[in-house]
Protein backbone atom coordinates (compact mmCIF):
# COMPACT_ATOMS: atom_id res chain seq x y z
CA UNK A 1 -13.20 -81.70 -54.15
CA UNK A 2 -16.70 -79.97 -53.29
CA UNK A 3 -18.59 -82.85 -55.01
CA UNK A 4 -16.71 -85.44 -52.88
CA UNK A 5 -17.33 -83.45 -49.62
CA UNK A 6 -21.15 -83.05 -50.43
CA UNK A 7 -21.46 -86.76 -51.14
CA UNK A 8 -19.64 -87.40 -47.79
CA UNK A 9 -21.95 -85.09 -46.03
CA UNK A 10 -25.00 -86.99 -47.64
CA UNK A 11 -23.80 -90.43 -46.56
CA UNK A 12 -23.03 -89.21 -42.89
CA UNK A 13 -26.57 -87.63 -42.63
CA UNK A 14 -27.96 -90.99 -44.13
CA UNK A 15 -25.85 -93.00 -41.68
CA UNK A 16 -27.13 -90.87 -38.72
CA UNK A 17 -30.76 -91.25 -39.89
CA UNK A 18 -30.29 -94.98 -40.12
CA UNK A 19 -28.63 -95.46 -36.58
CA UNK A 20 -31.29 -93.02 -35.11
CA UNK A 21 -33.96 -95.27 -36.65
CA UNK A 22 -32.75 -98.36 -34.99
CA UNK A 23 -32.60 -96.86 -31.47
CA UNK A 24 -35.43 -98.05 -29.40
CA UNK A 25 -38.60 -95.75 -29.16
CA UNK A 26 -38.58 -93.47 -26.10
CA UNK A 27 -40.94 -94.62 -23.23
CA UNK A 28 -44.31 -93.30 -23.27
CA UNK A 29 -44.84 -90.53 -21.16
CA UNK A 30 -47.47 -90.66 -18.26
CA UNK A 31 -49.97 -88.13 -19.36
CA UNK A 32 -53.71 -88.94 -19.42
CA UNK A 33 -55.10 -88.95 -23.17
CA UNK A 34 -57.96 -91.39 -22.55
CA UNK A 35 -60.79 -91.12 -24.76
CA UNK A 36 -58.69 -89.30 -27.42
CA UNK A 37 -57.71 -90.73 -30.81
CA UNK A 38 -55.39 -87.72 -31.26
CA UNK A 39 -53.34 -87.97 -28.09
CA UNK A 40 -55.28 -84.90 -26.35
CA UNK A 41 -54.33 -84.45 -22.87
CA UNK A 42 -56.89 -84.35 -20.03
CA UNK A 43 -59.98 -84.44 -22.10
CA UNK A 44 -59.09 -81.26 -24.08
CA UNK A 45 -59.28 -79.20 -20.82
CA UNK A 46 -57.45 -75.96 -20.50
CA UNK A 47 -54.80 -76.68 -17.59
CA UNK A 48 -54.18 -72.87 -17.24
CA UNK A 49 -58.00 -71.95 -16.87
CA UNK A 50 -58.42 -73.81 -13.56
CA UNK A 51 -55.78 -71.44 -12.14
CA UNK A 52 -56.78 -68.22 -13.92
CA UNK A 53 -60.62 -68.57 -14.28
CA UNK A 54 -61.15 -71.03 -11.28
CA UNK A 55 -63.25 -73.44 -13.39
CA UNK A 56 -62.75 -76.14 -16.06
CA UNK A 57 -62.86 -74.69 -19.60
CA UNK A 58 -62.80 -76.64 -22.78
CA UNK A 59 -59.63 -75.90 -24.90
CA UNK A 60 -59.76 -75.44 -28.63
CA UNK A 61 -57.75 -77.68 -31.15
CA UNK A 62 -56.25 -74.67 -32.93
CA UNK A 63 -54.77 -73.40 -29.63
CA UNK A 64 -52.47 -76.25 -28.81
CA UNK A 65 -49.10 -76.92 -27.40
CA UNK A 66 -47.12 -80.16 -27.57
CA UNK A 67 -45.65 -81.32 -24.19
CA UNK A 68 -44.49 -84.66 -22.87
CA UNK A 69 -45.86 -86.45 -26.02
CA UNK A 70 -49.35 -85.14 -25.74
CA UNK A 71 -51.46 -82.27 -27.10
CA UNK A 72 -52.49 -79.76 -24.64
CA UNK A 73 -55.53 -77.52 -25.51
CA UNK A 74 -56.15 -74.08 -24.43
CA UNK A 75 -59.07 -71.70 -24.77
CA UNK A 76 -56.78 -68.59 -25.42
CA UNK A 77 -53.42 -67.70 -26.70
CA UNK A 78 -52.66 -66.09 -23.25
CA UNK A 79 -53.41 -69.36 -21.49
CA UNK A 80 -51.14 -71.26 -24.05
CA UNK A 81 -48.34 -68.87 -23.55
CA UNK A 82 -48.54 -69.25 -19.84
CA UNK A 83 -48.33 -73.26 -20.08
CA UNK A 84 -45.48 -72.91 -22.49
CA UNK A 85 -43.51 -70.80 -20.40
CA UNK A 86 -43.97 -73.00 -17.35
CA UNK A 87 -45.78 -76.27 -17.98
CA UNK A 88 -44.89 -77.93 -14.63
CA UNK A 89 -46.60 -75.01 -12.89
CA UNK A 90 -50.07 -75.61 -14.58
CA UNK A 91 -49.99 -79.20 -15.62
CA UNK A 92 -52.23 -81.47 -13.33
CA UNK A 93 -50.45 -83.66 -10.83
CA UNK A 94 -49.99 -87.44 -11.57
CA UNK A 95 -50.40 -87.10 -15.20
CA UNK A 96 -53.90 -85.72 -15.12
CA UNK A 97 -55.09 -89.09 -14.05
CA UNK A 98 -57.92 -89.07 -11.41
CA UNK A 99 -56.32 -88.16 -8.23
CA UNK A 100 -58.59 -90.55 -6.06
CA UNK A 101 -57.56 -93.47 -8.33
CA UNK A 102 -53.76 -92.55 -8.10
CA UNK A 103 -54.19 -92.34 -4.01
CA UNK A 104 -56.19 -95.68 -3.99
CA UNK A 105 -53.31 -97.21 -6.00
CA UNK A 106 -54.53 -97.57 -9.48
CA UNK A 107 -54.83 -95.61 -12.65
CA UNK A 108 -58.57 -94.89 -13.66
CA UNK A 109 -59.81 -95.24 -17.27
CA UNK A 110 -62.49 -92.89 -16.62
CA UNK A 111 -62.34 -89.48 -18.29
CA UNK A 112 -61.75 -86.38 -16.40
CA UNK A 113 -64.50 -84.00 -17.08
CA UNK A 114 -63.64 -80.94 -15.06
CA UNK A 115 -63.89 -81.82 -11.50
CA UNK A 116 -60.77 -80.60 -9.58
CA UNK A 117 -59.04 -79.19 -6.57
CA UNK A 118 -56.06 -76.79 -6.25
CA UNK A 119 -54.07 -77.53 -3.27
CA UNK A 120 -50.86 -75.86 -2.41
CA UNK A 121 -50.68 -74.54 -5.91
CA UNK A 122 -51.09 -78.10 -7.52
CA UNK A 123 -53.95 -79.13 -9.82
CA UNK A 124 -55.56 -82.32 -9.03
CA UNK A 125 -58.23 -83.73 -11.43
CA UNK A 126 -60.94 -86.30 -10.72
CA UNK A 127 -62.83 -88.66 -12.91
CA UNK A 128 -66.48 -88.08 -13.97
CA UNK A 129 -68.78 -89.12 -11.20
CA UNK A 130 -71.82 -91.05 -11.62
CA UNK A 131 -74.96 -89.51 -13.35
CA UNK A 132 -76.37 -86.92 -11.05
CA UNK A 133 -73.20 -86.42 -8.91
CA UNK A 134 -70.56 -84.85 -11.09
CA UNK A 135 -68.08 -84.13 -8.17
CA UNK A 136 -68.45 -87.75 -6.65
CA UNK A 137 -64.78 -88.31 -6.53
CA UNK A 138 -63.84 -84.71 -5.46
CA UNK A 139 -66.03 -85.43 -2.41
CA UNK A 140 -64.18 -88.59 -1.75
CA UNK A 141 -60.96 -86.73 -2.11
CA UNK A 142 -61.89 -83.96 0.38
CA UNK A 143 -64.06 -86.04 2.94
CA UNK A 144 -62.81 -89.63 3.03
CA UNK A 145 -59.78 -91.50 4.55
CA UNK A 146 -58.29 -88.48 6.11
CA UNK A 147 -59.27 -85.98 3.40
CA UNK A 148 -56.94 -84.16 0.93
CA UNK A 149 -53.83 -84.20 2.68
CA UNK A 150 -53.72 -87.92 3.24
CA UNK A 151 -54.75 -88.50 -0.38
CA UNK A 152 -51.95 -86.29 -1.54
CA UNK A 153 -49.48 -88.32 0.43
CA UNK A 154 -50.87 -91.77 -0.68
CA UNK A 155 -50.78 -90.44 -4.37
CA UNK A 156 -47.43 -89.26 -4.30
CA UNK A 157 -46.13 -92.60 -3.05
CA UNK A 158 -48.19 -94.51 -5.39
CA UNK A 159 -47.53 -92.42 -8.46
CA UNK A 160 -43.80 -93.25 -8.50
CA UNK A 161 -44.74 -96.88 -9.23
CA UNK A 162 -47.64 -96.21 -11.13
CA UNK A 163 -46.02 -93.75 -13.64
CA UNK A 164 -43.28 -96.07 -14.37
CA UNK A 165 -45.81 -98.77 -15.21
CA UNK A 166 -47.68 -96.38 -17.49
CA UNK A 167 -44.48 -95.42 -19.23
CA UNK A 168 -43.65 -99.16 -19.73
CA UNK A 169 -46.83 -99.33 -21.58
CA UNK A 170 -49.36 -100.76 -19.10
CA UNK A 171 -52.79 -98.96 -19.96
CA UNK A 172 -54.39 -98.94 -16.48
CA UNK A 173 -52.02 -100.41 -13.85
CA UNK A 174 -53.06 -101.31 -10.58
CA UNK A 175 -51.12 -101.79 -7.52
CA UNK A 176 -51.42 -104.94 -5.47
CA UNK A 177 -53.58 -104.36 -2.48
CA UNK A 178 -52.26 -107.24 -0.56
CA UNK A 179 -48.58 -108.13 -0.13
CA UNK A 180 -47.54 -111.03 -2.10
CA UNK A 181 -47.60 -114.49 -0.52
CA UNK A 182 -44.29 -116.25 -0.60
CA UNK A 183 -44.18 -119.61 -2.24
CA UNK A 184 -42.94 -121.40 0.91
CA UNK A 185 -45.91 -119.86 2.94
CA UNK A 186 -48.09 -120.97 0.06
CA UNK A 187 -47.10 -124.58 0.35
CA UNK A 188 -47.76 -124.94 3.98
């Protein structure tokens, strides 16, 4: 009888594996891993260091943590432990994509390189600026179109749509800047 039970258990496990392999793959998480062949989040920057050291610090591959389908790197074991205990507290807003891009209605494919703003306890990252102006997009965030508060409001509204489109597989979605023209209006 024990032999029969073990054969039955192996068959049940095999069936479970087969059924789970037939399930559709889970949606891609909306985390900025641009520029990485190994699914490294936010250009390998230590998300906790922005809060604890008030600067961008490059993480190290041996000190990593898997979260939301991406590998997050840290400069110290202490930073990794803080992140692991509460990732939502330290992870950048809007998946770590350029905050100005999200506020403007698109996902920028430019790499984040350490330009940032912490506002109301939340981390916002910016794409690398043009040569000679590293903080170009941070300046836009702070000084243009109503400043950071206006950008946070616009970005929060846009992120709902952009996040869904990234998770559906679009690499760099962009919201339509104009309302769609109805076919009846276009025919006139």
